[in-house]
Amino acid sequence: MLRFKIMSAGIGCAPNTRQILPSYTSTSAKLAAEVHLSAYPTTPDAAALQRLANLMLSAGMLSSPLDASALVFR
């Protein structure tokens, strides 16, 4: 529910998220200021996905190579 409210309010940057976090949780403003908020890309990255697929293949999690670019919608 918090994620929906943050996104629907148009708040996508870390300072604004940290500012409203205490009003939706029992987190103090001091602790909210220290929370690490990750940034995620808004568009798919075929190269990063291919790297992940290659790592999965080398770890034995995939039985054959995977063409990640075929999974990315453009």
N, C-alpha and C. Protein backbone atom coordinates (compact mmCIF):
# COMPACT_ATOMS: atom_id res chain seq x y z
N MET A 1 0.81 -1.19 0.00
CA MET A 1 0.00 0.00 0.00
C MET A 1 0.86 1.26 0.00
N LEU A 2 1.95 1.27 0.77
CA LEU A 2 2.84 2.43 0.82
C LEU A 2 3.42 2.69 -0.56
N ARG A 3 3.88 1.63 -1.25
CA ARG A 3 4.47 1.80 -2.57
C ARG A 3 3.46 2.42 -3.53
N PHE A 4 2.23 1.96 -3.47
CA PHE A 4 1.19 2.52 -4.34
C PHE A 4 0.99 4.00 -4.05
N LYS A 5 0.93 4.38 -2.79
CA LYS A 5 0.70 5.77 -2.45
C LYS A 5 1.86 6.65 -2.88
N ILE A 6 3.08 6.14 -2.73
CA ILE A 6 4.25 6.91 -3.16
C ILE A 6 4.23 7.09 -4.66
N MET A 7 3.97 6.01 -5.40
CA MET A 7 3.97 6.08 -6.85
C MET A 7 2.81 6.92 -7.37
N SER A 8 1.63 6.79 -6.78
CA SER A 8 0.48 7.55 -7.27
C SER A 8 0.60 9.03 -6.95
N ALA A 9 1.40 9.37 -5.96
CA ALA A 9 1.63 10.77 -5.62
C ALA A 9 2.67 11.40 -6.53
N GLY A 10 3.27 10.59 -7.40
CA GLY A 10 4.28 11.12 -8.30
C GLY A 10 5.62 11.33 -7.62
N ILE A 11 5.82 10.67 -6.51
CA ILE A 11 7.06 10.84 -5.77
C ILE A 11 7.98 9.69 -6.12
N GLY A 12 9.03 9.98 -6.86
CA GLY A 12 9.92 8.92 -7.27
C GLY A 12 11.35 9.12 -6.81
N CYS A 13 11.65 10.26 -6.24
CA CYS A 13 13.03 10.49 -5.83
C CYS A 13 13.21 10.22 -4.34
N ALA A 14 14.40 9.84 -3.99
CA ALA A 14 14.71 9.41 -2.63
C ALA A 14 14.41 10.46 -1.55
N PRO A 15 14.76 11.74 -1.73
CA PRO A 15 14.49 12.71 -0.65
C PRO A 15 13.01 12.80 -0.31
N ASN A 16 12.13 12.81 -1.31
CA ASN A 16 10.69 12.88 -1.03
C ASN A 16 10.19 11.60 -0.38
N THR A 17 10.70 10.46 -0.82
CA THR A 17 10.30 9.19 -0.23
C THR A 17 10.70 9.15 1.24
N ARG A 18 11.92 9.56 1.53
CA ARG A 18 12.38 9.57 2.92
C ARG A 18 11.55 10.54 3.78
N GLN A 19 11.10 11.62 3.18
CA GLN A 19 10.32 12.62 3.91
C GLN A 19 8.95 12.08 4.33
N ILE A 20 8.28 11.31 3.45
CA ILE A 20 6.94 10.83 3.79
C ILE A 20 6.93 9.47 4.46
N LEU A 21 8.05 8.76 4.45
CA LEU A 21 8.12 7.42 5.03
C LEU A 21 7.60 7.37 6.48
N PRO A 22 7.98 8.29 7.36
CA PRO A 22 7.49 8.23 8.74
C PRO A 22 5.98 8.39 8.88
N SER A 23 5.33 9.03 7.91
CA SER A 23 3.88 9.21 8.03
C SER A 23 3.10 7.95 7.67
N TYR A 24 3.74 6.98 7.02
CA TYR A 24 3.07 5.73 6.66
C TYR A 24 3.58 4.53 7.45
N THR A 25 4.66 4.70 8.19
CA THR A 25 5.25 3.60 8.95
C THR A 25 5.61 4.09 10.35
N SER A 26 6.09 3.19 11.16
CA SER A 26 6.53 3.58 12.50
C SER A 26 8.01 3.97 12.51
N THR A 27 8.56 4.23 11.33
CA THR A 27 9.96 4.63 11.20
C THR A 27 10.13 6.09 11.60
N SER A 28 11.16 6.37 12.37
CA SER A 28 11.42 7.76 12.76
C SER A 28 12.02 8.52 11.58
N ALA A 29 11.91 9.84 11.62
CA ALA A 29 12.48 10.67 10.56
C ALA A 29 13.99 10.50 10.50
N LYS A 30 14.62 10.33 11.64
CA LYS A 30 16.08 10.13 11.68
C LYS A 30 16.46 8.83 10.97
N LEU A 31 15.74 7.75 11.25
CA LEU A 31 16.02 6.47 10.61
C LEU A 31 15.67 6.53 9.12
N ALA A 32 14.58 7.17 8.77
CA ALA A 32 14.17 7.28 7.36
C ALA A 32 15.24 8.00 6.55
N ALA A 33 15.92 8.96 7.15
CA ALA A 33 16.98 9.69 6.45
C ALA A 33 18.17 8.80 6.14
N GLU A 34 18.32 7.70 6.87
CA GLU A 34 19.45 6.79 6.68
C GLU A 34 19.11 5.58 5.82
N VAL A 35 17.86 5.41 5.46
CA VAL A 35 17.44 4.26 4.68
C VAL A 35 18.04 4.32 3.28
N HIS A 36 18.62 3.19 2.84
CA HIS A 36 19.16 3.11 1.48
C HIS A 36 18.02 2.77 0.53
N LEU A 37 17.78 3.64 -0.43
CA LEU A 37 16.74 3.41 -1.42
C LEU A 37 17.40 3.14 -2.76
N SER A 38 17.15 1.98 -3.30
CA SER A 38 17.74 1.60 -4.58
C SER A 38 17.03 2.30 -5.73
N ALA A 39 17.76 2.49 -6.79
CA ALA A 39 17.18 3.04 -8.01
C ALA A 39 17.12 1.92 -9.04
N TYR A 40 16.01 1.82 -9.69
CA TYR A 40 15.81 0.78 -10.69
C TYR A 40 15.56 1.43 -12.04
N PRO A 41 16.12 0.84 -13.10
CA PRO A 41 15.92 1.43 -14.43
C PRO A 41 14.45 1.36 -14.85
N THR A 42 14.05 2.33 -15.61
CA THR A 42 12.66 2.36 -16.08
C THR A 42 12.50 1.67 -17.43
N THR A 43 13.62 1.31 -18.05
CA THR A 43 13.58 0.59 -19.32
C THR A 43 14.41 -0.68 -19.20
N PRO A 44 14.04 -1.72 -19.92
CA PRO A 44 14.81 -2.97 -19.85
C PRO A 44 16.19 -2.80 -20.49
N ASP A 45 17.16 -3.48 -19.93
CA ASP A 45 18.53 -3.44 -20.42
C ASP A 45 18.91 -4.84 -20.88
N ALA A 46 18.88 -5.06 -22.19
CA ALA A 46 19.13 -6.39 -22.74
C ALA A 46 20.54 -6.88 -22.39
N ALA A 47 21.51 -5.98 -22.35
CA ALA A 47 22.90 -6.39 -22.04
C ALA A 47 22.99 -6.90 -20.61
N ALA A 48 22.35 -6.22 -19.67
CA ALA A 48 22.37 -6.66 -18.27
C ALA A 48 21.63 -7.99 -18.12
N LEU A 49 20.53 -8.13 -18.83
CA LEU A 49 19.77 -9.37 -18.78
C LEU A 49 20.58 -10.52 -19.38
N GLN A 50 21.31 -10.23 -20.45
CA GLN A 50 22.15 -11.26 -21.07
C GLN A 50 23.26 -11.69 -20.12
N ARG A 51 23.84 -10.73 -19.41
CA ARG A 51 24.88 -11.06 -18.43
C ARG A 51 24.33 -11.99 -17.36
N LEU A 52 23.13 -11.71 -16.89
CA LEU A 52 22.49 -12.56 -15.90
C LEU A 52 22.25 -13.96 -16.46
N ALA A 53 21.76 -14.04 -17.69
CA ALA A 53 21.52 -15.34 -18.32
C ALA A 53 22.82 -16.12 -18.46
N ASN A 54 23.90 -15.43 -18.83
CA ASN A 54 25.21 -16.10 -18.96
C ASN A 54 25.70 -16.62 -17.61
N LEU A 55 25.51 -15.83 -16.57
CA LEU A 55 25.90 -16.27 -15.23
C LEU A 55 25.08 -17.48 -14.79
N MET A 56 23.79 -17.45 -15.09
CA MET A 56 22.93 -18.59 -14.74
C MET A 56 23.36 -19.85 -15.48
N LEU A 57 23.77 -19.70 -16.76
CA LEU A 57 24.25 -20.83 -17.54
C LEU A 57 25.53 -21.39 -16.92
N SER A 58 26.45 -20.51 -16.57
CA SER A 58 27.72 -20.97 -16.00
C SER A 58 27.54 -21.60 -14.61
N ALA A 59 26.49 -21.23 -13.91
CA ALA A 59 26.21 -21.80 -12.59
C ALA A 59 25.37 -23.06 -12.68
N GLY A 60 24.99 -23.45 -13.90
CA GLY A 60 24.20 -24.65 -14.08
C GLY A 60 22.71 -24.47 -13.84
N MET A 61 22.27 -23.23 -13.76
CA MET A 61 20.85 -22.96 -13.54
C MET A 61 20.04 -23.01 -14.83
N LEU A 62 20.74 -22.92 -15.96
CA LEU A 62 20.12 -23.08 -17.28
C LEU A 62 20.81 -24.23 -17.98
N SER A 63 20.05 -25.01 -18.74
CA SER A 63 20.64 -26.16 -19.43
C SER A 63 21.17 -25.80 -20.81
N SER A 64 20.76 -24.66 -21.34
CA SER A 64 21.25 -24.21 -22.65
C SER A 64 21.30 -22.68 -22.65
N PRO A 65 22.09 -22.11 -23.56
CA PRO A 65 22.19 -20.64 -23.62
C PRO A 65 20.84 -19.99 -23.89
N LEU A 66 20.68 -18.80 -23.39
CA LEU A 66 19.44 -18.04 -23.54
C LEU A 66 19.74 -16.72 -24.24
N ASP A 67 18.97 -16.40 -25.27
CA ASP A 67 19.10 -15.11 -25.96
C ASP A 67 18.20 -14.11 -25.25
N ALA A 68 18.79 -13.31 -24.38
CA ALA A 68 18.00 -12.38 -23.57
C ALA A 68 17.34 -11.29 -24.40
N SER A 69 17.94 -10.93 -25.52
CA SER A 69 17.34 -9.86 -26.34
C SER A 69 15.96 -10.26 -26.86
N ALA A 70 15.72 -11.55 -27.00
CA ALA A 70 14.40 -12.02 -27.44
C ALA A 70 13.33 -11.81 -26.36
N LEU A 71 13.75 -11.61 -25.13
CA LEU A 71 12.81 -11.42 -24.02
C LEU A 71 12.44 -9.97 -23.79
N VAL A 72 13.19 -9.05 -24.40
CA VAL A 72 12.99 -7.63 -24.16
C VAL A 72 12.05 -7.07 -25.22
N PHE A 73 10.95 -6.49 -24.77
CA PHE A 73 9.97 -5.88 -25.67
C PHE A 73 10.44 -4.48 -26.02
N ARG A 74 10.44 -4.16 -27.28
CA ARG A 74 10.87 -2.81 -27.70
C ARG A 74 9.72 -2.08 -28.35
